[in-house]
C-alpha atoms as a PDB file:
ATOM      1  CA  UNK A   1      -6.843 -21.665 -31.167  1.00  0.00           C
ATOM      2  CA  UNK A   2      -3.442 -22.135 -32.815  1.00  0.00           C
ATOM      3  CA  UNK A   3      -1.706 -19.426 -34.817  1.00  0.00           C
ATOM      4  CA  UNK A   4      -2.242 -21.357 -38.062  1.00  0.00           C
ATOM      5  CA  UNK A   5      -5.967 -21.784 -37.336  1.00  0.00           C
ATOM      6  CA  UNK A   6      -6.276 -18.078 -36.609  1.00  0.00           C
ATOM      7  CA  UNK A   7      -4.643 -17.247 -39.938  1.00  0.00           C
ATOM      8  CA  UNK A   8      -6.966 -19.666 -41.750  1.00  0.00           C
ATOM      9  CA  UNK A   9     -10.024 -17.991 -40.193  1.00  0.00           C
ATOM     10  CA  UNK A  10      -8.719 -14.552 -41.155  1.00  0.00           C
ATOM     11  CA  UNK A  11      -8.067 -15.652 -44.749  1.00  0.00           C
ATOM     12  CA  UNK A  12     -11.539 -17.211 -45.034  1.00  0.00           C
ATOM     13  CA  UNK A  13     -13.113 -14.088 -43.549  1.00  0.00           C
ATOM     14  CA  UNK A  14     -11.190 -11.895 -45.994  1.00  0.00           C
ATOM     15  CA  UNK A  15     -12.319 -14.008 -48.970  1.00  0.00           C
ATOM     16  CA  UNK A  16     -15.910 -13.947 -47.729  1.00  0.00           C
ATOM     17  CA  UNK A  17     -15.867 -10.171 -47.282  1.00  0.00           C
ATOM     18  CA  UNK A  18     -14.312  -9.768 -50.734  1.00  0.00           C
ATOM     19  CA  UNK A  19     -17.062 -11.834 -52.345  1.00  0.00           C
ATOM     20  CA  UNK A  20     -19.790  -9.839 -50.610  1.00  0.00           C
ATOM     21  CA  UNK A  21     -18.118  -6.518 -51.456  1.00  0.00           C
ATOM     22  CA  UNK A  22     -18.190  -7.470 -55.137  1.00  0.00           C
ATOM     23  CA  UNK A  23     -21.793  -8.651 -54.755  1.00  0.00           C
ATOM     24  CA  UNK A  24     -22.847  -5.369 -53.115  1.00  0.00           C
ATOM     25  CA  UNK A  25     -21.129  -3.350 -55.844  1.00  0.00           C
ATOM     26  CA  UNK A  26     -22.962  -5.237 -58.596  1.00  0.00           C
ATOM     27  CA  UNK A  27     -26.283  -5.043 -56.744  1.00  0.00           C
ATOM     28  CA  UNK A  28     -26.093  -1.259 -56.398  1.00  0.00           C
ATOM     29  CA  UNK A  29     -24.991  -0.796 -60.023  1.00  0.00           C
ATOM     30  CA  UNK A  30     -27.777  -3.008 -61.383  1.00  0.00           C
ATOM     31  CA  UNK A  31     -30.267  -1.504 -58.941  1.00  0.00           C
ATOM     32  CA  UNK A  32     -29.557   2.038 -60.116  1.00  0.00           C
ATOM     33  CA  UNK A  33     -29.798   1.007 -63.763  1.00  0.00           C
ATOM     34  CA  UNK A  34     -33.055  -0.873 -63.140  1.00  0.00           C
ATOM     35  CA  UNK A  35     -34.557   2.050 -61.232  1.00  0.00           C
ATOM     36  CA  UNK A  36     -33.609   4.498 -63.999  1.00  0.00           C
ATOM     37  CA  UNK A  37     -35.100   2.257 -66.697  1.00  0.00           C
ATOM     38  CA  UNK A  38     -38.295   1.737 -64.692  1.00  0.00           C
ATOM     39  CA  UNK A  39     -38.702   5.494 -64.211  1.00  0.00           C
ATOM     40  CA  UNK A  40     -38.493   5.964 -67.975  1.00  0.00           C
ATOM     41  CA  UNK A  41     -40.977   3.174 -68.728  1.00  0.00           C
ATOM     42  CA  UNK A  42     -43.511   4.670 -66.304  1.00  0.00           C
ATOM     43  CA  UNK A  43     -43.800   7.728 -68.556  1.00  0.00           C
ATOM     44  CA  UNK A  44     -43.872   5.853 -71.873  1.00  0.00           C
ATOM     45  CA  UNK A  45     -47.682   5.271 -71.977  1.00  0.00           C
ATOM     46  CA  UNK A  46     -48.400   8.969 -71.412  1.00  0.00           C
ATOM     47  CA  UNK A  47     -45.742  10.021 -73.926  1.00  0.00           C
ATOM     48  CA  UNK A  48     -47.013   7.470 -76.466  1.00  0.00           C
ATOM     49  CA  UNK A  49     -50.630   8.630 -76.168  1.00  0.00           C
ATOM     50  CA  UNK A  50     -49.526  12.261 -76.458  1.00  0.00           C
ATOM     51  CA  UNK A  51     -47.486  11.670 -79.608  1.00  0.00           C
ATOM     52  CA  UNK A  52     -49.837   9.234 -81.356  1.00  0.00           C
ATOM     53  CA  UNK A  53     -53.154  10.984 -80.646  1.00  0.00           C
ATOM     54  CA  UNK A  54     -51.739  14.550 -80.595  1.00  0.00           C
ATOM     55  CA  UNK A  55     -53.118  15.228 -77.129  1.00  0.00           C
ATOM     56  CA  UNK A  56     -52.391  18.729 -75.865  1.00  0.00           C
ATOM     57  CA  UNK A  57     -50.868  18.689 -72.383  1.00  0.00           C
ATOM     58  CA  UNK A  58     -52.161  21.145 -69.807  1.00  0.00           C
ATOM     59  CA  UNK A  59     -49.016  21.758 -67.756  1.00  0.00           C
ATOM     60  CA  UNK A  60     -50.949  23.726 -65.146  1.00  0.00           C
ATOM     61  CA  UNK A  61     -53.151  20.727 -64.372  1.00  0.00           C
ATOM     62  CA  UNK A  62     -50.150  18.398 -64.427  1.00  0.00           C
ATOM     63  CA  UNK A  63     -48.307  20.615 -61.938  1.00  0.00           C
ATOM     64  CA  UNK A  64     -51.351  20.844 -59.655  1.00  0.00           C
ATOM     65  CA  UNK A  65     -51.838  17.070 -59.712  1.00  0.00           C
ATOM     66  CA  UNK A  66     -48.125  16.506 -59.070  1.00  0.00           C
ATOM     67  CA  UNK A  67     -48.143  18.845 -56.073  1.00  0.00           C
ATOM     68  CA  UNK A  68     -51.198  17.065 -54.658  1.00  0.00           C
ATOM     69  CA  UNK A  69     -49.566  13.636 -54.990  1.00  0.00           C
ATOM     70  CA  UNK A  70     -46.243  14.814 -53.542  1.00  0.00           C
ATOM     71  CA  UNK A  71     -48.027  16.475 -50.621  1.00  0.00           C
ATOM     72  CA  UNK A  72     -49.938  13.286 -49.828  1.00  0.00           C
ATOM     73  CA  UNK A  73     -47.240  10.680 -50.412  1.00  0.00           C
ATOM     74  CA  UNK A  74     -43.942  12.585 -50.580  1.00  0.00           C
ATOM     75  CA  UNK A  75     -42.821  11.901 -47.016  1.00  0.00           C
ATOM     76  CA  UNK A  76     -43.951   8.296 -47.236  1.00  0.00           C
ATOM     77  CA  UNK A  77     -42.035   7.785 -50.467  1.00  0.00           C
ATOM     78  CA  UNK A  78     -38.916   9.347 -48.971  1.00  0.00           C
ATOM     79  CA  UNK A  79     -38.890   7.473 -45.662  1.00  0.00           C
ATOM     80  CA  UNK A  80     -40.172   4.043 -46.732  1.00  0.00           C
ATOM     81  CA  UNK A  81     -36.867   2.886 -48.271  1.00  0.00           C
ATOM     82  CA  UNK A  82     -35.076   3.733 -45.018  1.00  0.00           C
ATOM     83  CA  UNK A  83     -37.801   1.978 -43.028  1.00  0.00           C
ATOM     84  CA  UNK A  84     -37.734  -1.291 -44.976  1.00  0.00           C
ATOM     85  CA  UNK A  85     -34.048  -1.432 -45.950  1.00  0.00           C
ATOM     86  CA  UNK A  86     -32.885  -3.278 -42.784  1.00  0.00           C
ATOM     87  CA  UNK A  87     -35.286  -6.118 -43.601  1.00  0.00           C
ATOM     88  CA  UNK A  88     -35.010  -6.140 -47.402  1.00  0.00           C
ATOM     89  CA  UNK A  89     -31.333  -5.395 -47.920  1.00  0.00           C
ATOM     90  CA  UNK A  90     -29.990  -3.526 -50.954  1.00  0.00           C
ATOM     91  CA  UNK A  91     -31.166  -5.896 -53.690  1.00  0.00           C
ATOM     92  CA  UNK A  92     -34.550  -6.478 -52.103  1.00  0.00           C
ATOM     93  CA  UNK A  93     -35.091  -2.737 -51.667  1.00  0.00           C
ATOM     94  CA  UNK A  94     -34.331  -1.946 -55.310  1.00  0.00           C
ATOM     95  CA  UNK A  95     -36.640  -4.706 -56.557  1.00  0.00           C
ATOM     96  CA  UNK A  96     -39.402  -3.901 -54.064  1.00  0.00           C
ATOM     97  CA  UNK A  97     -39.673  -0.244 -55.000  1.00  0.00           C
ATOM     98  CA  UNK A  98     -39.504  -0.995 -58.711  1.00  0.00           C
ATOM     99  CA  UNK A  99     -42.370  -3.514 -58.594  1.00  0.00           C
ATOM    100  CA  UNK A 100     -44.333  -1.901 -55.716  1.00  0.00           C
ATOM    101  CA  UNK A 101     -46.665  -3.386 -53.088  1.00  0.00           C
ATOM    102  CA  UNK A 102     -43.819  -3.329 -50.579  1.00  0.00           C
ATOM    103  CA  UNK A 103     -45.703  -3.723 -47.250  1.00  0.00           C
ATOM    104  CA  UNK A 104     -48.371  -5.990 -48.730  1.00  0.00           C
ATOM    105  CA  UNK A 105     -46.237  -8.515 -50.641  1.00  0.00           C
ATOM    106  CA  UNK A 106     -42.474  -7.923 -50.832  1.00  0.00           C
ATOM    107  CA  UNK A 107     -41.774  -7.396 -47.134  1.00  0.00           C
ATOM    108  CA  UNK A 108     -43.806 -10.365 -45.802  1.00  0.00           C
ATOM    109  CA  UNK A 109     -42.266 -12.625 -48.439  1.00  0.00           C
ATOM    110  CA  UNK A 110     -38.721 -11.532 -47.537  1.00  0.00           C
ATOM    111  CA  UNK A 111     -39.175 -11.912 -43.776  1.00  0.00           C
ATOM    112  CA  UNK A 112     -40.853 -15.312 -44.179  1.00  0.00           C
ATOM    113  CA  UNK A 113     -37.997 -16.649 -46.300  1.00  0.00           C
ATOM    114  CA  UNK A 114     -35.405 -15.274 -43.877  1.00  0.00           C
ATOM    115  CA  UNK A 115     -37.156 -17.076 -41.042  1.00  0.00           C
ATOM    116  CA  UNK A 116     -37.360 -20.335 -43.007  1.00  0.00           C
ATOM    117  CA  UNK A 117     -33.676 -20.163 -43.963  1.00  0.00           C
ATOM    118  CA  UNK A 118     -32.647 -19.289 -40.406  1.00  0.00           C
ATOM    119  CA  UNK A 119     -30.799 -16.072 -41.304  1.00  0.00           C
ATOM    120  CA  UNK A 120     -30.960 -12.722 -39.525  1.00  0.00           C
ATOM    121  CA  UNK A 121     -32.146  -9.449 -41.002  1.00  0.00           C
ATOM    122  CA  UNK A 122     -29.344  -7.013 -41.715  1.00  0.00           C
ATOM    123  CA  UNK A 123     -26.751  -9.710 -42.413  1.00  0.00           C
ATOM    124  CA  UNK A 124     -25.204 -10.481 -45.791  1.00  0.00           C
ATOM    125  CA  UNK A 125     -26.937 -13.851 -45.869  1.00  0.00           C
ATOM    126  CA  UNK A 126     -30.246 -12.216 -44.941  1.00  0.00           C
ATOM    127  CA  UNK A 127     -29.833  -9.684 -47.759  1.00  0.00           C
ATOM    128  CA  UNK A 128     -29.274 -12.431 -50.332  1.00  0.00           C
ATOM    129  CA  UNK A 129     -32.294 -14.431 -49.149  1.00  0.00           C
ATOM    130  CA  UNK A 130     -34.460 -11.288 -49.195  1.00  0.00           C
ATOM    131  CA  UNK A 131     -33.302 -10.419 -52.719  1.00  0.00           C
ATOM    132  CA  UNK A 132     -34.169 -13.881 -54.043  1.00  0.00           C
ATOM    133  CA  UNK A 133     -37.516 -13.863 -52.207  1.00  0.00           C
ATOM    134  CA  UNK A 134     -38.502 -10.436 -53.525  1.00  0.00           C
ATOM    135  CA  UNK A 135     -37.428 -11.387 -57.053  1.00  0.00           C
ATOM    136  CA  UNK A 136     -39.553 -14.539 -57.075  1.00  0.00           C
ATOM    137  CA  UNK A 137     -42.436 -12.647 -55.457  1.00  0.00           C
ATOM    138  CA  UNK A 138     -42.261  -9.999 -58.183  1.00  0.00           C
ATOM    139  CA  UNK A 139     -42.322 -12.616 -60.958  1.00  0.00           C
ATOM    140  CA  UNK A 140     -45.301 -14.332 -59.340  1.00  0.00           C
ATOM    141  CA  UNK A 141     -47.103 -10.982 -59.003  1.00  0.00           C
ATOM    142  CA  UNK A 142     -46.596 -10.198 -62.683  1.00  0.00           C
ATOM    143  CA  UNK A 143     -47.870 -13.653 -63.653  1.00  0.00           C
ATOM    144  CA  UNK A 144     -50.908 -13.366 -61.377  1.00  0.00           C
ATOM    145  CA  UNK A 145     -51.726  -9.840 -62.606  1.00  0.00           C
ATOM    146  CA  UNK A 146     -51.474 -11.005 -66.214  1.00  0.00           C
ATOM    147  CA  UNK A 147     -53.740 -13.955 -65.483  1.00  0.00           C
ATOM    148  CA  UNK A 148     -56.114 -11.663 -63.602  1.00  0.00           C
ATOM    149  CA  UNK A 149     -56.427  -9.275 -66.541  1.00  0.00           C
ATOM    150  CA  UNK A 150     -57.222 -12.178 -68.842  1.00  0.00           C
ATOM    151  CA  UNK A 151     -59.734 -13.789 -66.474  1.00  0.00           C
ATOM    152  CA  UNK A 152     -61.120 -10.642 -64.786  1.00  0.00           C
ATOM    153  CA  UNK A 153     -64.704 -11.405 -65.785  1.00  0.00           C
ATOM    154  CA  UNK A 154     -64.468 -14.762 -64.009  1.00  0.00           C
ATOM    155  CA  UNK A 155     -62.589 -13.585 -60.907  1.00  0.00           C
ATOM    156  CA  UNK A 156     -64.471 -10.343 -60.179  1.00  0.00           C
ATOM    157  CA  UNK A 157     -67.765 -11.951 -59.035  1.00  0.00           C
ATOM    158  CA  UNK A 158     -65.787 -14.087 -56.568  1.00  0.00           C
ATOM    159  CA  UNK A 159     -63.812 -11.157 -55.150  1.00  0.00           C
ATOM    160  CA  UNK A 160     -66.896  -8.942 -54.849  1.00  0.00           C
ATOM    161  CA  UNK A 161     -68.933 -11.654 -53.112  1.00  0.00           C
ATOM    162  CA  UNK A 162     -70.355 -10.213 -49.839  1.00  0.00           C
ATOM    163  CA  UNK A 163     -69.236 -13.308 -47.937  1.00  0.00           C
ATOM    164  CA  UNK A 164     -65.594 -13.031 -49.052  1.00  0.00           C
ATOM    165  CA  UNK A 165     -65.137  -9.251 -49.287  1.00  0.00           C
ATOM    166  CA  UNK A 166     -64.508  -8.736 -45.516  1.00  0.00           C
ATOM    167  CA  UNK A 167     -61.619 -11.191 -45.758  1.00  0.00           C
ATOM    168  CA  UNK A 168     -60.008  -9.308 -48.641  1.00  0.00           C
ATOM    169  CA  UNK A 169     -60.409  -6.079 -46.674  1.00  0.00           C
ATOM    170  CA  UNK A 170     -58.341  -7.470 -43.789  1.00  0.00           C
ATOM    171  CA  UNK A 171     -55.388  -8.858 -45.751  1.00  0.00           C
ATOM    172  CA  UNK A 172     -53.045  -5.996 -44.791  1.00  0.00           C
ATOM    173  CA  UNK A 173     -53.763  -6.151 -41.016  1.00  0.00           C
ATOM    174  CA  UNK A 174     -53.291  -9.927 -41.133  1.00  0.00           C
ATOM    175  CA  UNK A 175     -49.932  -9.606 -42.914  1.00  0.00           C
ATOM    176  CA  UNK A 176     -48.625  -6.993 -40.506  1.00  0.00           C
ATOM    177  CA  UNK A 177     -49.869  -9.016 -37.545  1.00  0.00           C
ATOM    178  CA  UNK A 178     -47.894 -12.003 -38.773  1.00  0.00           C
ATOM    179  CA  UNK A 179     -44.802  -9.852 -39.333  1.00  0.00           C
ATOM    180  CA  UNK A 180     -45.092  -8.358 -35.850  1.00  0.00           C
ATOM    181  CA  UNK A 181     -45.235 -11.785 -34.220  1.00  0.00           C
ATOM    182  CA  UNK A 182     -42.261 -12.975 -36.294  1.00  0.00           C
ATOM    183  CA  UNK A 183     -40.096  -9.991 -35.346  1.00  0.00           C
ATOM    184  CA  UNK A 184     -41.205 -10.042 -31.702  1.00  0.00           C
ATOM    185  CA  UNK A 185     -40.422 -13.732 -31.232  1.00  0.00           C
ATOM    186  CA  UNK A 186     -37.083 -13.272 -32.970  1.00  0.00           C
ATOM    187  CA  UNK A 187     -35.942 -10.649 -30.449  1.00  0.00           C
ATOM    188  CA  UNK A 188     -38.495 -10.145 -27.659  1.00  0.00           C
ATOM    189  CA  UNK A 189     -36.232  -8.020 -25.457  1.00  0.00           C
ATOM    190  CA  UNK A 190     -35.670  -5.476 -28.227  1.00  0.00           C
ATOM    191  CA  UNK A 191     -39.301  -5.478 -29.396  1.00  0.00           C
ATOM    192  CA  UNK A 192     -40.817  -5.233 -25.907  1.00  0.00           C
ATOM    193  CA  UNK A 193     -40.324  -1.501 -25.265  1.00  0.00           C
ATOM    194  CA  UNK A 194     -41.498  -0.204 -28.687  1.00  0.00           C
ATOM    195  CA  UNK A 195     -44.496  -2.565 -28.528  1.00  0.00           C
ATOM    196  CA  UNK A 196     -45.515  -1.340 -25.071  1.00  0.00           C
ATOM    197  CA  UNK A 197     -45.143   2.307 -26.100  1.00  0.00           C
ATOM    198  CA  UNK A 198     -47.216   1.633 -29.221  1.00  0.00           C
ATOM    199  CA  UNK A 199     -50.034   0.069 -27.191  1.00  0.00           C
ATOM    200  CA  UNK A 200     -49.996   3.001 -24.758  1.00  0.00           C
ATOM    201  CA  UNK A 201     -50.142   5.460 -27.650  1.00  0.00           C
ATOM    202  CA  UNK A 202     -53.122   3.640 -29.192  1.00  0.00           C
ATOM    203  CA  UNK A 203     -54.922   3.541 -25.842  1.00  0.00           C
ATOM    204  CA  UNK A 204     -54.383   7.259 -25.203  1.00  0.00           C
ATOM    205  CA  UNK A 205     -54.753   8.816 -28.669  1.00  0.00           C
ATOM    206  CA  UNK A 206     -56.756   6.192 -30.567  1.00  0.00           C
ATOM    207  CA  UNK A 207     -56.433   4.515 -33.954  1.00  0.00           C
ATOM    208  CA  UNK A 208     -57.429   7.599 -36.067  1.00  0.00           C
ATOM    209  CA  UNK A 209     -54.471   9.530 -34.652  1.00  0.00           C
ATOM    210  CA  UNK A 210     -52.128   6.635 -35.431  1.00  0.00           C
ATOM    211  CA  UNK A 211     -53.442   6.326 -39.000  1.00  0.00           C
ATOM    212  CA  UNK A 212     -53.082  10.046 -39.649  1.00  0.00           C
ATOM    213  CA  UNK A 213     -49.528  10.241 -38.300  1.00  0.00           C
ATOM    214  CA  UNK A 214     -48.308   6.748 -39.189  1.00  0.00           C
ATOM    215  CA  UNK A 215     -45.141   7.892 -40.985  1.00  0.00           C
ATOM    216  CA  UNK A 216     -43.927  10.041 -38.087  1.00  0.00           C
ATOM    217  CA  UNK A 217     -44.846   7.353 -35.562  1.00  0.00           C
ATOM    218  CA  UNK A 218     -42.931   4.741 -37.568  1.00  0.00           C
ATOM    219  CA  UNK A 219     -39.821   6.907 -37.399  1.00  0.00           C
ATOM    220  CA  UNK A 220     -40.302   7.462 -33.665  1.00  0.00           C
ATOM    221  CA  UNK A 221     -40.691   3.767 -32.869  1.00  0.00           C
ATOM    222  CA  UNK A 222     -37.804   2.853 -35.169  1.00  0.00           C
ATOM    223  CA  UNK A 223     -35.573   5.303 -33.320  1.00  0.00           C
ATOM    224  CA  UNK A 224     -36.807   3.968 -30.000  1.00  0.00           C
ATOM    225  CA  UNK A 225     -36.022   0.387 -31.039  1.00  0.00           C
ATOM    226  CA  UNK A 226     -32.509   1.330 -32.191  1.00  0.00           C
ATOM    227  CA  UNK A 227     -31.671   3.207 -28.980  1.00  0.00           C
ATOM    228  CA  UNK A 228     -33.184   0.448 -26.819  1.00  0.00           C
ATOM    229  CA  UNK A 229     -31.307  -2.283 -28.699  1.00  0.00           C
ATOM    230  CA  UNK A 230     -28.040  -0.355 -28.323  1.00  0.00           C
ATOM    231  CA  UNK A 231     -28.663   0.008 -24.590  1.00  0.00           C
ATOM    232  CA  UNK A 232     -29.379  -3.722 -24.190  1.00  0.00           C
ATOM    233  CA  UNK A 233     -26.305  -4.600 -26.240  1.00  0.00           C
ATOM    234  CA  UNK A 234     -24.070  -2.416 -24.087  1.00  0.00           C
ATOM    235  CA  UNK A 235     -25.523  -4.000 -20.953  1.00  0.00           C
ATOM    236  CA  UNK A 236     -24.837  -7.481 -22.328  1.00  0.00           C
ATOM    237  CA  UNK A 237     -28.532  -8.403 -22.418  1.00  0.00           C
ATOM    238  CA  UNK A 238     -28.468  -9.263 -26.123  1.00  0.00           C
ATOM    239  CA  UNK A 239     -25.865 -10.332 -28.647  1.00  0.00           C
ATOM    240  CA  UNK A 240     -25.167  -8.942 -32.088  1.00  0.00           C
ATOM    241  CA  UNK A 241     -28.258  -9.238 -34.303  1.00  0.00           C
ATOM    242  CA  UNK A 242     -30.671  -8.747 -31.412  1.00  0.00           C
ATOM    243  CA  UNK A 243     -30.725 -12.396 -30.358  1.00  0.00           C
ATOM    244  CA  UNK A 244     -30.966 -13.368 -26.716  1.00  0.00           C
END
């Protein structure tokens, strides 16, 4: 490559990095503002009912209920953003945890769109695709929930039908099965070791153990995948991004 061509590539790379740096800055600023506003709006119904109907708050019961919720979901709430961030990116993570249903809707939608667009997770392009996908998914969810509230009397008999109810009960396993296959096929060498260890763990300890300790096991297998990917990268078995 000539000296002029090298300079052109460097200039283009600098411009590209500058654009993404500005994008990241705006995403984090808007994400923090959106998260703060959403936290306030969550408490508005309770505050409104208290002020309008003069309801006396029992702070002892509120504290006990808060401790129970934090004990049950505190670790999950703390670690989930770190778990899903590599796949969702900054913008997708902010939107996902504002609108909720991260494993069930936001994450599958983001990974599907990344696969369709041919971009890798953890890249700038992948972050942008995930942000758009999660945003559209959130709008669709709001529209569907609104429609569901209006037409609940019509929809409920269909959902509660004994023939269809087993299917609705297996939506989450089906989604995660699809996501596993997508990630595995995208980088089989990296996914092989954590997958084998997971199968061995299920065979030895059983599904109840895995369900009870899912958060800790997720962290363990994430760490295993990172260390294994780093080892393969150093050995020249994979390229950057986990591709073969």
